[in-house]
PDB file of all heavy atoms in Angstrom:
ATOM      1  N   ASN A   1     -20.790  44.861 175.254  1.00  0.00           N
ATOM      2  CA  ASN A   1     -20.696  46.262 174.838  1.00  0.00           C
ATOM      3  C   ASN A   1     -20.148  46.361 173.454  1.00  0.00           C
ATOM      4  O   ASN A   1     -20.527  47.217 172.619  1.00  0.00           O
ATOM      5  CB  ASN A   1     -19.880  47.101 175.820  1.00  0.00           C
ATOM      6  CG  ASN A   1     -20.573  47.315 177.125  1.00  0.00           C
ATOM      7  OD1 ASN A   1     -21.774  47.270 177.184  1.00  0.00           O
ATOM      8  ND2 ASN A   1     -19.845  47.566 178.171  1.00  0.00           N
ATOM      9  N   THR A   2     -19.081  45.549 173.109  1.00  0.00           N
ATOM     10  CA  THR A   2     -18.472  45.592 171.781  1.00  0.00           C
ATOM     11  C   THR A   2     -19.521  45.259 170.713  1.00  0.00           C
ATOM     12  O   THR A   2     -19.642  45.987 169.719  1.00  0.00           O
ATOM     13  CB  THR A   2     -17.301  44.594 171.695  1.00  0.00           C
ATOM     14  OG1 THR A   2     -16.248  45.054 172.576  1.00  0.00           O
ATOM     15  CG2 THR A   2     -16.748  44.459 170.328  1.00  0.00           C
ATOM     16  N   CYS A   3     -20.288  44.196 170.937  1.00  0.00           N
ATOM     17  CA  CYS A   3     -21.262  43.805 169.916  1.00  0.00           C
ATOM     18  C   CYS A   3     -22.304  44.849 169.753  1.00  0.00           C
ATOM     19  O   CYS A   3     -22.713  45.214 168.595  1.00  0.00           O
ATOM     20  CB  CYS A   3     -21.877  42.467 170.304  1.00  0.00           C
ATOM     21  SG  CYS A   3     -20.750  41.054 170.145  1.00  0.00           S
ATOM     22  N   GLU A   4     -22.797  45.431 170.887  1.00  0.00           N
ATOM     23  CA  GLU A   4     -23.825  46.435 170.791  1.00  0.00           C
ATOM     24  C   GLU A   4     -23.318  47.688 170.045  1.00  0.00           C
ATOM     25  O   GLU A   4     -24.027  48.278 169.214  1.00  0.00           O
ATOM     26  CB  GLU A   4     -24.283  46.809 172.234  1.00  0.00           C
ATOM     27  CG  GLU A   4     -25.478  47.732 172.257  1.00  0.00           C
ATOM     28  CD  GLU A   4     -26.026  47.941 173.664  1.00  0.00           C
ATOM     29  OE1 GLU A   4     -25.815  47.029 174.536  1.00  0.00           O
ATOM     30  OE2 GLU A   4     -26.593  48.955 173.884  1.00  0.00           O
ATOM     31  N   ASN A   5     -22.072  48.074 170.324  1.00  0.00           N
ATOM     32  CA  ASN A   5     -21.517  49.256 169.718  1.00  0.00           C
ATOM     33  C   ASN A   5     -21.287  49.014 168.207  1.00  0.00           C
ATOM     34  O   ASN A   5     -21.464  49.915 167.372  1.00  0.00           O
ATOM     35  CB  ASN A   5     -20.208  49.657 170.379  1.00  0.00           C
ATOM     36  CG  ASN A   5     -20.415  50.215 171.760  1.00  0.00           C
ATOM     37  OD1 ASN A   5     -21.459  50.795 172.061  1.00  0.00           O
ATOM     38  ND2 ASN A   5     -19.438  50.059 172.649  1.00  0.00           N
ATOM     39  N   LEU A   6     -20.887  47.815 167.841  1.00  0.00           N
ATOM     40  CA  LEU A   6     -20.705  47.516 166.346  1.00  0.00           C
ATOM     41  C   LEU A   6     -22.046  47.578 165.685  1.00  0.00           C
ATOM     42  O   LEU A   6     -22.097  48.157 164.570  1.00  0.00           O
ATOM     43  CB  LEU A   6     -20.099  46.083 166.263  1.00  0.00           C
ATOM     44  CG  LEU A   6     -18.639  45.935 166.627  1.00  0.00           C
ATOM     45  CD1 LEU A   6     -18.293  44.444 166.789  1.00  0.00           C
ATOM     46  CD2 LEU A   6     -17.724  46.598 165.548  1.00  0.00           C
ATOM     47  N   VAL A   7     -23.086  47.008 166.196  1.00  0.00           N
ATOM     48  CA  VAL A   7     -24.395  47.050 165.590  1.00  0.00           C
ATOM     49  C   VAL A   7     -24.889  48.480 165.479  1.00  0.00           C
ATOM     50  O   VAL A   7     -25.459  48.909 164.469  1.00  0.00           O
ATOM     51  CB  VAL A   7     -25.390  46.143 166.336  1.00  0.00           C
ATOM     52  CG1 VAL A   7     -26.855  46.361 165.809  1.00  0.00           C
ATOM     53  CG2 VAL A   7     -24.975  44.680 166.204  1.00  0.00           C
ATOM     54  N   ASN A   8     -24.754  49.264 166.565  1.00  0.00           N
ATOM     55  CA  ASN A   8     -25.197  50.636 166.535  1.00  0.00           C
ATOM     56  C   ASN A   8     -24.444  51.423 165.491  1.00  0.00           C
ATOM     57  O   ASN A   8     -25.028  52.235 164.758  1.00  0.00           O
ATOM     58  CB  ASN A   8     -25.004  51.293 167.930  1.00  0.00           C
ATOM     59  CG  ASN A   8     -25.967  50.771 168.974  1.00  0.00           C
ATOM     60  OD1 ASN A   8     -26.996  50.200 168.619  1.00  0.00           O
ATOM     61  ND2 ASN A   8     -25.662  50.894 170.235  1.00  0.00           N
ATOM     62  N   ALA A   9     -23.092  51.200 165.417  1.00  0.00           N
ATOM     63  CA  ALA A   9     -22.324  51.895 164.357  1.00  0.00           C
ATOM     64  C   ALA A   9     -22.861  51.544 162.958  1.00  0.00           C
ATOM     65  O   ALA A   9     -23.022  52.429 162.102  1.00  0.00           O
ATOM     66  CB  ALA A   9     -20.831  51.546 164.516  1.00  0.00           C
ATOM     67  N   TYR A  10     -23.071  50.255 162.712  1.00  0.00           N
ATOM     68  CA  TYR A  10     -23.544  49.794 161.424  1.00  0.00           C
ATOM     69  C   TYR A  10     -24.910  50.464 161.068  1.00  0.00           C
ATOM     70  O   TYR A  10     -25.070  51.017 159.977  1.00  0.00           O
ATOM     71  CB  TYR A  10     -23.680  48.272 161.412  1.00  0.00           C
ATOM     72  CG  TYR A  10     -24.206  47.719 160.140  1.00  0.00           C
ATOM     73  CD1 TYR A  10     -23.351  47.403 159.093  1.00  0.00           C
ATOM     74  CD2 TYR A  10     -25.585  47.465 159.997  1.00  0.00           C
ATOM     75  CE1 TYR A  10     -23.858  46.870 157.928  1.00  0.00           C
ATOM     76  CE2 TYR A  10     -26.078  46.948 158.802  1.00  0.00           C
ATOM     77  CZ  TYR A  10     -25.215  46.666 157.779  1.00  0.00           C
ATOM     78  OH  TYR A  10     -25.710  46.156 156.605  1.00  0.00           O
ATOM     79  N   ASP A  11     -25.823  50.422 162.052  1.00  0.00           N
ATOM     80  CA  ASP A  11     -27.161  50.971 161.781  1.00  0.00           C
ATOM     81  C   ASP A  11     -27.035  52.484 161.532  1.00  0.00           C
ATOM     82  O   ASP A  11     -27.806  52.978 160.667  1.00  0.00           O
ATOM     83  CB  ASP A  11     -28.062  50.707 162.977  1.00  0.00           C
ATOM     84  CG  ASP A  11     -28.479  49.247 163.073  1.00  0.00           C
ATOM     85  OD1 ASP A  11     -28.274  48.486 162.110  1.00  0.00           O
ATOM     86  OD2 ASP A  11     -28.915  48.834 164.187  1.00  0.00           O
ATOM     87  N   LEU A  12     -26.207  53.165 162.245  1.00  0.00           N
ATOM     88  CA  LEU A  12     -26.020  54.632 162.018  1.00  0.00           C
ATOM     89  C   LEU A  12     -25.446  54.887 160.609  1.00  0.00           C
ATOM     90  O   LEU A  12     -25.901  55.811 159.936  1.00  0.00           O
ATOM     91  CB  LEU A  12     -25.092  55.209 163.057  1.00  0.00           C
ATOM     92  CG  LEU A  12     -25.779  55.477 164.434  1.00  0.00           C
ATOM     93  CD1 LEU A  12     -24.701  55.765 165.493  1.00  0.00           C
ATOM     94  CD2 LEU A  12     -26.698  56.732 164.319  1.00  0.00           C
ATOM     95  N   PHE A  13     -24.463  54.067 160.201  1.00  0.00           N
ATOM     96  CA  PHE A  13     -23.884  54.289 158.894  1.00  0.00           C
ATOM     97  C   PHE A  13     -24.934  54.029 157.779  1.00  0.00           C
ATOM     98  O   PHE A  13     -25.008  54.774 156.829  1.00  0.00           O
ATOM     99  CB  PHE A  13     -22.689  53.349 158.647  1.00  0.00           C
ATOM    100  CG  PHE A  13     -21.410  53.798 159.269  1.00  0.00           C
ATOM    101  CD1 PHE A  13     -20.582  52.934 159.989  1.00  0.00           C
ATOM    102  CD2 PHE A  13     -20.991  55.148 159.138  1.00  0.00           C
ATOM    103  CE1 PHE A  13     -19.394  53.377 160.570  1.00  0.00           C
ATOM    104  CE2 PHE A  13     -19.817  55.544 159.699  1.00  0.00           C
ATOM    105  CZ  PHE A  13     -18.988  54.700 160.404  1.00  0.00           C
ATOM    106  N   VAL A  14     -25.774  53.014 157.947  1.00  0.00           N
ATOM    107  CA  VAL A  14     -26.831  52.746 156.981  1.00  0.00           C
ATOM    108  C   VAL A  14     -27.783  53.960 156.891  1.00  0.00           C
ATOM    109  O   VAL A  14     -28.121  54.424 155.814  1.00  0.00           O
ATOM    110  CB  VAL A  14     -27.582  51.452 157.314  1.00  0.00           C
ATOM    111  CG1 VAL A  14     -28.865  51.318 156.494  1.00  0.00           C
ATOM    112  CG2 VAL A  14     -26.718  50.227 157.124  1.00  0.00           C
ATOM    113  N   GLU A  15     -28.157  54.478 158.088  1.00  0.00           N
ATOM    114  CA  GLU A  15     -29.077  55.580 158.140  1.00  0.00           C
ATOM    115  C   GLU A  15     -28.458  56.843 157.459  1.00  0.00           C
ATOM    116  O   GLU A  15     -29.124  57.541 156.675  1.00  0.00           O
ATOM    117  CB  GLU A  15     -29.418  55.901 159.583  1.00  0.00           C
ATOM    118  CG  GLU A  15     -30.437  57.011 159.809  1.00  0.00           C
ATOM    119  CD  GLU A  15     -30.670  57.255 161.285  1.00  0.00           C
ATOM    120  OE1 GLU A  15     -30.836  56.286 162.057  1.00  0.00           O
ATOM    121  OE2 GLU A  15     -30.743  58.444 161.662  1.00  0.00           O
ATOM    122  N   ARG A  16     -27.177  57.107 157.784  1.00  0.00           N
ATOM    123  CA  ARG A  16     -26.511  58.270 157.200  1.00  0.00           C
ATOM    124  C   ARG A  16     -26.308  58.086 155.677  1.00  0.00           C
ATOM    125  O   ARG A  16     -26.441  59.036 154.923  1.00  0.00           O
ATOM    126  CB  ARG A  16     -25.184  58.501 157.867  1.00  0.00           C
ATOM    127  CG  ARG A  16     -25.248  58.761 159.350  1.00  0.00           C
ATOM    128  CD  ARG A  16     -26.173  59.871 159.765  1.00  0.00           C
ATOM    129  NE  ARG A  16     -26.138  60.098 161.223  1.00  0.00           N
ATOM    130  CZ  ARG A  16     -27.083  59.629 162.044  1.00  0.00           C
ATOM    131  NH1 ARG A  16     -28.114  58.947 161.608  1.00  0.00           N
ATOM    132  NH2 ARG A  16     -27.006  59.911 163.362  1.00  0.00           N
ATOM    133  N   LEU A  17     -25.977  56.909 155.232  1.00  0.00           N
ATOM    134  CA  LEU A  17     -25.805  56.650 153.822  1.00  0.00           C
ATOM    135  C   LEU A  17     -27.170  56.885 153.075  1.00  0.00           C
ATOM    136  O   LEU A  17     -27.134  57.485 151.991  1.00  0.00           O
ATOM    137  CB  LEU A  17     -25.352  55.201 153.574  1.00  0.00           C
ATOM    138  CG  LEU A  17     -23.856  54.915 153.828  1.00  0.00           C
ATOM    139  CD1 LEU A  17     -23.620  53.409 153.891  1.00  0.00           C
ATOM    140  CD2 LEU A  17     -22.992  55.525 152.780  1.00  0.00           C
ATOM    141  N   ASN A  18     -28.237  56.412 153.679  1.00  0.00           N
ATOM    142  CA  ASN A  18     -29.531  56.634 153.047  1.00  0.00           C
ATOM    143  C   ASN A  18     -29.832  58.121 152.934  1.00  0.00           C
ATOM    144  O   ASN A  18     -30.524  58.577 151.992  1.00  0.00           O
ATOM    145  CB  ASN A  18     -30.618  55.940 153.820  1.00  0.00           C
ATOM    146  CG  ASN A  18     -30.627  54.439 153.541  1.00  0.00           C
ATOM    147  OD1 ASN A  18     -30.250  53.969 152.515  1.00  0.00           O
ATOM    148  ND2 ASN A  18     -31.062  53.663 154.551  1.00  0.00           N
ATOM    149  N   GLY A  19     -29.363  58.910 153.881  1.00  0.00           N
ATOM    150  CA  GLY A  19     -29.611  60.378 153.843  1.00  0.00           C
ATOM    151  C   GLY A  19     -28.769  61.109 152.823  1.00  0.00           C
ATOM    152  O   GLY A  19     -29.208  62.087 152.273  1.00  0.00           O
ATOM    153  N   VAL A  20     -27.545  60.627 152.586  1.00  0.00           N
ATOM    154  CA  VAL A  20     -26.630  61.315 151.705  1.00  0.00           C
ATOM    155  C   VAL A  20     -26.674  60.773 150.252  1.00  0.00           C
ATOM    156  O   VAL A  20     -26.584  61.499 149.329  1.00  0.00           O
ATOM    157  CB  VAL A  20     -25.200  61.189 152.272  1.00  0.00           C
ATOM    158  CG1 VAL A  20     -24.178  61.655 151.263  1.00  0.00           C
ATOM    159  CG2 VAL A  20     -25.059  62.007 153.567  1.00  0.00           C
ATOM    160  N   CYS A  21     -26.808  59.440 150.123  1.00  0.00           N
ATOM    161  CA  CYS A  21     -26.786  58.818 148.801  1.00  0.00           C
ATOM    162  C   CYS A  21     -28.168  58.540 148.364  1.00  0.00           C
ATOM    163  O   CYS A  21     -28.785  57.532 148.726  1.00  0.00           O
ATOM    164  CB  CYS A  21     -25.974  57.543 148.888  1.00  0.00           C
ATOM    165  SG  CYS A  21     -24.271  57.814 149.471  1.00  0.00           S
ATOM    166  N   LYS A  22     -28.714  59.484 147.605  1.00  0.00           N
ATOM    167  CA  LYS A  22     -30.142  59.384 147.236  1.00  0.00           C
ATOM    168  C   LYS A  22     -30.414  58.436 146.072  1.00  0.00           C
ATOM    169  O   LYS A  22     -31.561  58.114 145.800  1.00  0.00           O
ATOM    170  CB  LYS A  22     -30.664  60.807 146.851  1.00  0.00           C
ATOM    171  CG  LYS A  22     -30.552  61.796 147.977  1.00  0.00           C
ATOM    172  CD  LYS A  22     -31.435  61.453 149.141  1.00  0.00           C
ATOM    173  CE  LYS A  22     -31.487  62.536 150.198  1.00  0.00           C
ATOM    174  NZ  LYS A  22     -32.244  62.180 151.397  1.00  0.00           N
ATOM    175  N   ASP A  23     -29.357  58.081 145.348  1.00  0.00           N
ATOM    176  CA  ASP A  23     -29.560  57.154 144.236  1.00  0.00           C
ATOM    177  C   ASP A  23     -28.265  56.304 144.047  1.00  0.00           C
ATOM    178  O   ASP A  23     -27.308  56.485 144.782  1.00  0.00           O
ATOM    179  CB  ASP A  23     -29.886  57.896 142.942  1.00  0.00           C
ATOM    180  CG  ASP A  23     -28.855  58.994 142.637  1.00  0.00           C
ATOM    181  OD1 ASP A  23     -27.647  58.857 143.050  1.00  0.00           O
ATOM    182  OD2 ASP A  23     -29.218  59.998 141.957  1.00  0.00           O
ATOM    183  N   THR A  24     -28.325  55.379 143.130  1.00  0.00           N
ATOM    184  CA  THR A  24     -27.200  54.502 142.868  1.00  0.00           C
ATOM    185  C   THR A  24     -25.919  55.238 142.513  1.00  0.00           C
ATOM    186  O   THR A  24     -24.862  54.919 143.028  1.00  0.00           O
ATOM    187  CB  THR A  24     -27.586  53.482 141.763  1.00  0.00           C
ATOM    188  OG1 THR A  24     -28.728  52.768 142.122  1.00  0.00           O
ATOM    189  CG2 THR A  24     -26.439  52.520 141.484  1.00  0.00           C
ATOM    190  N   ALA A  25     -26.039  56.238 141.659  1.00  0.00           N
ATOM    191  CA  ALA A  25     -24.869  56.968 141.226  1.00  0.00           C
ATOM    192  C   ALA A  25     -24.193  57.675 142.399  1.00  0.00           C
ATOM    193  O   ALA A  25     -22.934  57.659 142.493  1.00  0.00           O
ATOM    194  CB  ALA A  25     -25.245  58.021 140.173  1.00  0.00           C
ATOM    195  N   SER A  26     -24.965  58.270 143.328  1.00  0.00           N
ATOM    196  CA  SER A  26     -24.329  58.949 144.453  1.00  0.00           C
ATOM    197  C   SER A  26     -23.697  57.974 145.423  1.00  0.00           C
ATOM    198  O   SER A  26     -22.663  58.277 146.046  1.00  0.00           O
ATOM    199  CB  SER A  26     -25.334  59.881 145.163  1.00  0.00           C
ATOM    200  OG  SER A  26     -26.401  59.117 145.632  1.00  0.00           O
ATOM    201  N   LEU A  27     -24.259  56.766 145.543  1.00  0.00           N
ATOM    202  CA  LEU A  27     -23.632  55.720 146.431  1.00  0.00           C
ATOM    203  C   LEU A  27     -22.282  55.269 145.801  1.00  0.00           C
ATOM    204  O   LEU A  27     -21.324  55.112 146.555  1.00  0.00           O
ATOM    205  CB  LEU A  27     -24.595  54.565 146.586  1.00  0.00           C
ATOM    206  CG  LEU A  27     -24.086  53.396 147.449  1.00  0.00           C
ATOM    207  CD1 LEU A  27     -23.831  53.876 148.870  1.00  0.00           C
ATOM    208  CD2 LEU A  27     -25.115  52.253 147.467  1.00  0.00           C
ATOM    209  N   ILE A  28     -22.311  55.081 144.495  1.00  0.00           N
ATOM    210  CA  ILE A  28     -21.066  54.631 143.833  1.00  0.00           C
ATOM    211  C   ILE A  28     -19.989  55.781 143.938  1.00  0.00           C
ATOM    212  O   ILE A  28     -18.854  55.508 144.246  1.00  0.00           O
ATOM    213  CB  ILE A  28     -21.336  54.351 142.380  1.00  0.00           C
ATOM    214  CG1 ILE A  28     -22.191  53.059 142.236  1.00  0.00           C
ATOM    215  CG2 ILE A  28     -20.041  54.250 141.552  1.00  0.00           C
ATOM    216  CD1 ILE A  28     -22.708  52.797 140.828  1.00  0.00           C
ATOM    217  N   GLU A  29     -20.403  57.036 143.779  1.00  0.00           N
ATOM    218  CA  GLU A  29     -19.494  58.148 143.906  1.00  0.00           C
ATOM    219  C   GLU A  29     -18.917  58.218 145.313  1.00  0.00           C
ATOM    220  O   GLU A  29     -17.688  58.434 145.506  1.00  0.00           O
ATOM    221  CB  GLU A  29     -20.191  59.456 143.529  1.00  0.00           C
ATOM    222  CG  GLU A  29     -19.300  60.666 143.686  1.00  0.00           C
ATOM    223  CD  GLU A  29     -20.030  61.991 143.560  1.00  0.00           C
ATOM    224  OE1 GLU A  29     -21.269  61.987 143.474  1.00  0.00           O
ATOM    225  OE2 GLU A  29     -19.355  63.028 143.576  1.00  0.00           O
ATOM    226  N   PHE A  30     -19.764  58.053 146.309  1.00  0.00           N
ATOM    227  CA  PHE A  30     -19.335  58.125 147.671  1.00  0.00           C
ATOM    228  C   PHE A  30     -18.299  57.020 147.955  1.00  0.00           C
ATOM    229  O   PHE A  30     -17.214  57.263 148.516  1.00  0.00           O
ATOM    230  CB  PHE A  30     -20.512  57.929 148.620  1.00  0.00           C
ATOM    231  CG  PHE A  30     -20.208  58.053 150.107  1.00  0.00           C
ATOM    232  CD1 PHE A  30     -20.360  59.281 150.735  1.00  0.00           C
ATOM    233  CD2 PHE A  30     -19.743  56.960 150.817  1.00  0.00           C
ATOM    234  CE1 PHE A  30     -20.082  59.399 152.073  1.00  0.00           C
ATOM    235  CE2 PHE A  30     -19.439  57.066 152.183  1.00  0.00           C
ATOM    236  CZ  PHE A  30     -19.575  58.266 152.808  1.00  0.00           C
ATOM    237  N   TYR A  31     -18.618  55.800 147.555  1.00  0.00           N
ATOM    238  CA  TYR A  31     -17.697  54.644 147.761  1.00  0.00           C
ATOM    239  C   TYR A  31     -16.353  54.894 147.071  1.00  0.00           C
ATOM    240  O   TYR A  31     -15.303  54.752 147.701  1.00  0.00           O
ATOM    241  CB  TYR A  31     -18.316  53.374 147.250  1.00  0.00           C
ATOM    242  CG  TYR A  31     -17.307  52.262 147.128  1.00  0.00           C
ATOM    243  CD1 TYR A  31     -16.885  51.630 148.297  1.00  0.00           C
ATOM    244  CD2 TYR A  31     -16.836  51.854 145.921  1.00  0.00           C
ATOM    245  CE1 TYR A  31     -15.959  50.579 148.202  1.00  0.00           C
ATOM    246  CE2 TYR A  31     -15.882  50.853 145.844  1.00  0.00           C
ATOM    247  CZ  TYR A  31     -15.452  50.225 147.019  1.00  0.00           C
ATOM    248  OH  TYR A  31     -14.512  49.217 146.910  1.00  0.00           O
ATOM    249  N   ASN A  32     -16.417  55.265 145.770  1.00  0.00           N
ATOM    250  CA  ASN A  32     -15.121  55.445 145.066  1.00  0.00           C
ATOM    251  C   ASN A  32     -14.261  56.507 145.633  1.00  0.00           C
ATOM    252  O   ASN A  32     -13.029  56.329 145.806  1.00  0.00           O
ATOM    253  CB  ASN A  32     -15.447  55.683 143.553  1.00  0.00           C
ATOM    254  CG  ASN A  32     -15.793  54.442 142.798  1.00  0.00           C
ATOM    255  OD1 ASN A  32     -15.296  53.341 143.082  1.00  0.00           O
ATOM    256  ND2 ASN A  32     -16.681  54.532 141.806  1.00  0.00           N
ATOM    257  N   LYS A  33     -14.859  57.612 146.007  1.00  0.00           N
ATOM    258  CA  LYS A  33     -14.006  58.733 146.522  1.00  0.00           C
ATOM    259  C   LYS A  33     -13.443  58.357 147.867  1.00  0.00           C
ATOM    260  O   LYS A  33     -12.271  58.639 148.219  1.00  0.00           O
ATOM    261  CB  LYS A  33     -14.803  60.033 146.604  1.00  0.00           C
ATOM    262  CG  LYS A  33     -13.842  61.189 146.991  1.00  0.00           C
ATOM    263  CD  LYS A  33     -14.309  62.493 146.409  1.00  0.00           C
ATOM    264  CE  LYS A  33     -13.258  63.564 146.780  1.00  0.00           C
ATOM    265  NZ  LYS A  33     -13.742  64.960 146.497  1.00  0.00           N
ATOM    266  N   VAL A  34     -14.236  57.649 148.698  1.00  0.00           N
ATOM    267  CA  VAL A  34     -13.738  57.218 150.046  1.00  0.00           C
ATOM    268  C   VAL A  34     -12.615  56.231 149.904  1.00  0.00           C
ATOM    269  O   VAL A  34     -11.566  56.396 150.583  1.00  0.00           O
ATOM    270  CB  VAL A  34     -14.888  56.744 150.865  1.00  0.00           C
ATOM    271  CG1 VAL A  34     -14.415  55.960 152.099  1.00  0.00           C
ATOM    272  CG2 VAL A  34     -15.806  57.881 151.333  1.00  0.00           C
ATOM    273  N   VAL A  35     -12.751  55.173 149.104  1.00  0.00           N
ATOM    274  CA  VAL A  35     -11.694  54.193 149.046  1.00  0.00           C
ATOM    275  C   VAL A  35     -10.460  54.688 148.357  1.00  0.00           C
ATOM    276  O   VAL A  35      -9.359  54.179 148.626  1.00  0.00           O
ATOM    277  CB  VAL A  35     -12.176  52.800 148.450  1.00  0.00           C
ATOM    278  CG1 VAL A  35     -13.248  52.188 149.318  1.00  0.00           C
ATOM    279  CG2 VAL A  35     -12.613  52.955 147.022  1.00  0.00           C
ATOM    280  N   GLU A  36     -10.617  55.610 147.410  1.00  0.00           N
ATOM    281  CA  GLU A  36      -9.433  56.126 146.713  1.00  0.00           C
ATOM    282  C   GLU A  36      -8.747  57.253 147.469  1.00  0.00           C
ATOM    283  O   GLU A  36      -7.547  57.410 147.415  1.00  0.00           O
ATOM    284  CB  GLU A  36      -9.863  56.663 145.319  1.00  0.00           C
ATOM    285  CG  GLU A  36     -10.255  55.518 144.360  1.00  0.00           C
ATOM    286  CD  GLU A  36     -10.947  56.051 143.133  1.00  0.00           C
ATOM    287  OE1 GLU A  36     -11.029  57.288 142.934  1.00  0.00           O
ATOM    288  OE2 GLU A  36     -11.490  55.206 142.349  1.00  0.00           O
ATOM    289  N   GLY A  37      -9.541  58.091 148.182  1.00  0.00           N
ATOM    290  CA  GLY A  37      -8.969  59.328 148.715  1.00  0.00           C
ATOM    291  C   GLY A  37      -8.736  59.390 150.218  1.00  0.00           C
ATOM    292  O   GLY A  37      -8.051  60.229 150.728  1.00  0.00           O
ATOM    293  N   VAL A  38      -9.336  58.477 150.954  1.00  0.00           N
ATOM    294  CA  VAL A  38      -9.216  58.493 152.433  1.00  0.00           C
ATOM    295  C   VAL A  38      -7.895  57.801 152.748  1.00  0.00           C
ATOM    296  O   VAL A  38      -7.667  56.654 152.309  1.00  0.00           O
ATOM    297  CB  VAL A  38     -10.398  57.859 153.155  1.00  0.00           C
ATOM    298  CG1 VAL A  38     -10.093  57.666 154.643  1.00  0.00           C
ATOM    299  CG2 VAL A  38     -11.651  58.696 152.938  1.00  0.00           C
TER     300      VAL A  38
END
């Protein structure tokens, strides 16, 4: 169950990132704000 849940979480994050980060600049912005501000 742990392995399945980890893979499902990863796949969901990839799908959601593709939906929100439409280009390289938006992916970089997302990453920087998350690691600096969360």
